[in-house]
Amino acid sequence: MQRSLLLLSASFLLVACEGLKSPWSSTSAPEGKTIATVAPTAQAAATGVEGAPVTNARYSWEKDLPAGETAKPVVAKEPVIEPPKDAGRARVITVREDAGLVALARSEKPEPKSRLQLVKDGKAILVEVIRSDDKMIVVGIIPNQDKAPKLAPGDEVGCGVLAPAAPVAE
């Protein structure tokens, strides 16, 4: 028993020492060099000595800027889509056909769960309001509608709120 424990501890020590020589280990140094000679100095970094980290690295998509300037982040601006003045019209902001969602701009904001009828080119499509805020109304397309119009961003469509269904008498 003692002999097997001794062999086990010796093999563990051998494997641990071998792991220190791994080129992927963060604590090991390249062969023939000590850690002190591998660590870059500020002067080596400034002069661009091989192996020193480059402090003014740029990416290929960055433009050449004058000395001392840094690139400013580019903020994508959303196109501002104004809703039509007529309460019976709405403008399509975005369409996500894969999810069955449409974002609309309308002067009047309907309540969630209310149903709207959108009319384009004489064809109607029924939608249900999911969410509405100051900027847009997000609606879900009710499935299984034949001859529904194809909506695209920027389209102005007729929009009417459907009356809620009468409660079922018991």
Protein backbone atom coordinates (compact mmCIF):
# COMPACT_ATOMS: atom_id res chain seq x y z
CA MET A 1 0.00 0.00 0.00
CA GLN A 2 2.78 2.42 0.90
CA ARG A 3 4.63 1.59 -2.28
CA SER A 4 1.60 2.38 -4.46
CA LEU A 5 1.07 5.70 -2.66
CA LEU A 6 4.74 6.55 -3.17
CA LEU A 7 4.51 5.74 -6.91
CA LEU A 8 1.29 7.74 -7.20
CA SER A 9 2.76 10.82 -5.52
CA ALA A 10 5.94 10.56 -7.61
CA SER A 11 3.95 10.36 -10.84
CA PHE A 12 1.84 13.35 -9.75
CA LEU A 13 4.99 15.36 -9.07
CA LEU A 14 6.43 14.38 -12.44
CA VAL A 15 3.25 15.44 -14.26
CA ALA A 16 3.10 18.73 -12.32
CA CYS A 17 6.72 19.59 -13.21
CA GLU A 18 6.11 18.67 -16.84
CA GLY A 19 3.08 21.02 -16.91
CA LEU A 20 5.29 23.98 -15.99
CA LYS A 21 7.24 23.54 -19.23
CA SER A 22 4.11 23.76 -21.38
CA PRO A 23 4.26 26.51 -24.02
CA TRP A 24 0.61 27.27 -23.24
CA SER A 25 1.21 27.82 -19.54
CA SER A 26 1.04 31.49 -18.54
CA THR A 27 3.80 31.13 -15.96
CA SER A 28 6.35 29.42 -18.17
CA ALA A 29 8.99 31.27 -20.14
CA PRO A 30 10.27 30.36 -23.60
CA GLU A 31 13.25 28.07 -23.62
CA GLY A 32 16.54 29.76 -22.80
CA LYS A 33 14.93 32.94 -21.48
CA THR A 34 13.93 33.95 -18.01
CA ILE A 35 10.73 35.72 -17.20
CA ALA A 36 12.65 38.96 -16.58
CA THR A 37 13.98 39.00 -20.16
CA VAL A 38 10.57 38.20 -21.68
CA ALA A 39 8.64 40.99 -19.94
CA PRO A 40 8.53 44.07 -22.20
CA THR A 41 9.66 47.42 -20.95
CA ALA A 42 7.97 50.72 -21.58
CA GLN A 43 10.87 51.75 -23.79
CA ALA A 44 10.59 48.55 -25.86
CA ALA A 45 6.87 49.16 -26.33
CA ALA A 46 7.46 52.75 -27.41
CA THR A 47 10.17 51.87 -29.90
CA GLY A 48 8.28 48.91 -31.38
CA VAL A 49 10.76 46.17 -30.45
CA GLU A 50 9.64 42.74 -31.65
CA GLY A 51 7.71 40.86 -28.96
CA ALA A 52 6.61 44.03 -27.17
CA PRO A 53 2.90 44.84 -27.14
CA VAL A 54 1.87 47.62 -29.47
CA THR A 55 0.12 50.36 -27.53
CA ASN A 56 -1.35 52.23 -30.50
CA ALA A 57 -2.91 49.24 -32.25
CA ARG A 58 -5.57 49.99 -34.84
CA TYR A 59 -8.04 47.84 -36.60
CA SER A 60 -8.25 47.61 -40.37
CA TRP A 61 -11.64 49.34 -40.52
CA GLU A 62 -10.49 52.42 -38.58
CA LYS A 63 -9.66 55.51 -40.59
CA ASP A 64 -6.31 57.24 -40.43
CA LEU A 65 -6.69 60.00 -37.88
CA PRO A 66 -4.38 62.92 -37.17
CA ALA A 67 -1.96 62.39 -34.28
CA GLY A 68 -3.58 62.64 -30.87
CA GLU A 69 -7.16 61.99 -32.00
CA THR A 70 -9.09 58.88 -31.19
CA ALA A 71 -11.93 57.36 -33.16
CA LYS A 72 -15.38 58.20 -31.84
CA PRO A 73 -18.03 55.49 -31.73
CA VAL A 74 -20.60 55.64 -34.48
CA VAL A 75 -24.16 55.74 -33.21
CA ALA A 76 -26.76 54.40 -35.61
CA LYS A 77 -29.68 56.77 -35.88
CA GLU A 78 -33.15 55.37 -36.22
CA PRO A 79 -35.11 56.92 -39.00
CA VAL A 80 -37.77 59.11 -37.48
CA ILE A 81 -41.10 58.14 -38.97
CA GLU A 82 -43.88 60.58 -38.32
CA PRO A 83 -47.36 59.15 -37.90
CA PRO A 84 -50.02 60.39 -40.32
CA LYS A 85 -52.20 63.25 -39.00
CA ASP A 86 -55.36 61.33 -39.89
CA ALA A 87 -56.45 59.02 -37.03
CA GLY A 88 -57.73 56.50 -39.60
CA ARG A 89 -54.24 56.00 -41.12
CA ALA A 90 -51.02 54.40 -39.88
CA ARG A 91 -47.49 54.14 -41.25
CA VAL A 92 -45.54 50.86 -41.19
CA ILE A 93 -42.17 51.24 -39.45
CA THR A 94 -40.83 47.67 -39.60
CA VAL A 95 -42.10 44.21 -40.51
CA ARG A 96 -40.84 40.93 -39.03
CA GLU A 97 -42.55 38.28 -41.09
CA ASP A 98 -40.73 35.42 -39.36
CA ALA A 99 -42.28 36.41 -36.01
CA GLY A 100 -45.53 37.79 -37.43
CA LEU A 101 -44.91 41.27 -35.97
CA VAL A 102 -45.41 44.73 -37.42
CA ALA A 103 -44.41 48.09 -35.89
CA LEU A 104 -46.74 50.98 -36.73
CA ALA A 105 -46.76 54.74 -36.22
CA ARG A 106 -50.22 56.14 -35.56
CA SER A 107 -51.47 59.39 -34.04
CA GLU A 108 -53.82 57.57 -31.63
CA LYS A 109 -52.45 54.80 -29.43
CA PRO A 110 -54.81 51.84 -28.92
CA GLU A 111 -54.84 49.70 -25.79
CA PRO A 112 -53.04 46.34 -25.72
CA LYS A 113 -55.18 43.34 -26.74
CA SER A 114 -57.36 45.50 -28.98
CA ARG A 115 -57.74 44.46 -32.62
CA LEU A 116 -57.00 46.63 -35.63
CA GLN A 117 -57.81 46.21 -39.28
CA LEU A 118 -55.11 47.40 -41.67
CA VAL A 119 -56.16 48.09 -45.28
CA LYS A 120 -53.71 48.35 -48.18
CA ASP A 121 -54.67 48.28 -51.87
CA GLY A 122 -58.21 47.17 -51.03
CA LYS A 123 -56.98 44.15 -49.05
CA ALA A 124 -57.45 43.92 -45.29
CA ILE A 125 -55.44 42.20 -42.57
CA LEU A 126 -56.40 41.79 -38.93
CA VAL A 127 -53.81 42.43 -36.22
CA GLU A 128 -53.79 42.49 -32.42
CA VAL A 129 -51.97 45.17 -30.41
CA ILE A 130 -49.19 43.71 -28.30
CA ARG A 131 -47.60 46.88 -27.00
CA SER A 132 -47.89 50.60 -27.62
CA ASP A 133 -45.78 53.52 -26.47
CA ASP A 134 -45.07 57.10 -27.58
CA LYS A 135 -42.93 56.05 -30.56
CA MET A 136 -44.68 53.01 -32.02
CA ILE A 137 -47.37 50.38 -31.80
CA VAL A 138 -46.26 46.74 -32.01
CA VAL A 139 -48.94 44.44 -33.40
CA GLY A 140 -49.08 40.72 -34.04
CA ILE A 141 -50.61 39.42 -37.26
CA ILE A 142 -53.52 37.10 -36.59
CA PRO A 143 -52.75 33.82 -38.42
CA ASN A 144 -54.70 32.08 -41.22
CA GLN A 145 -55.82 35.09 -43.20
CA ASP A 146 -56.35 34.65 -46.92
CA LYS A 147 -55.45 37.39 -49.39
CA ALA A 148 -53.61 39.50 -46.82
CA PRO A 149 -51.69 42.48 -48.23
CA LYS A 150 -47.90 42.47 -48.23
CA LEU A 151 -46.72 45.19 -45.82
CA ALA A 152 -43.37 46.96 -46.22
CA PRO A 153 -41.63 49.63 -44.14
CA GLY A 154 -42.79 53.10 -45.13
CA ASP A 155 -46.25 52.01 -46.37
CA GLU A 156 -49.18 54.13 -45.29
CA VAL A 157 -52.21 51.97 -44.60
CA GLY A 158 -55.77 52.53 -43.48
CA CYS A 159 -56.18 51.61 -39.82
CA GLY A 160 -59.38 51.10 -37.92
CA VAL A 161 -60.06 49.80 -34.42
CA LEU A 162 -62.50 46.92 -34.42
CA ALA A 163 -65.32 46.91 -31.89
CA PRO A 164 -64.88 44.32 -29.17
CA ALA A 165 -66.99 41.21 -29.55
CA ALA A 166 -70.22 41.05 -27.58
CA PRO A 167 -69.95 38.94 -24.41
CA VAL A 168 -71.35 35.45 -24.75
CA ALA A 169 -74.63 34.97 -22.85
CA GLU A 170 -74.72 32.04 -20.48
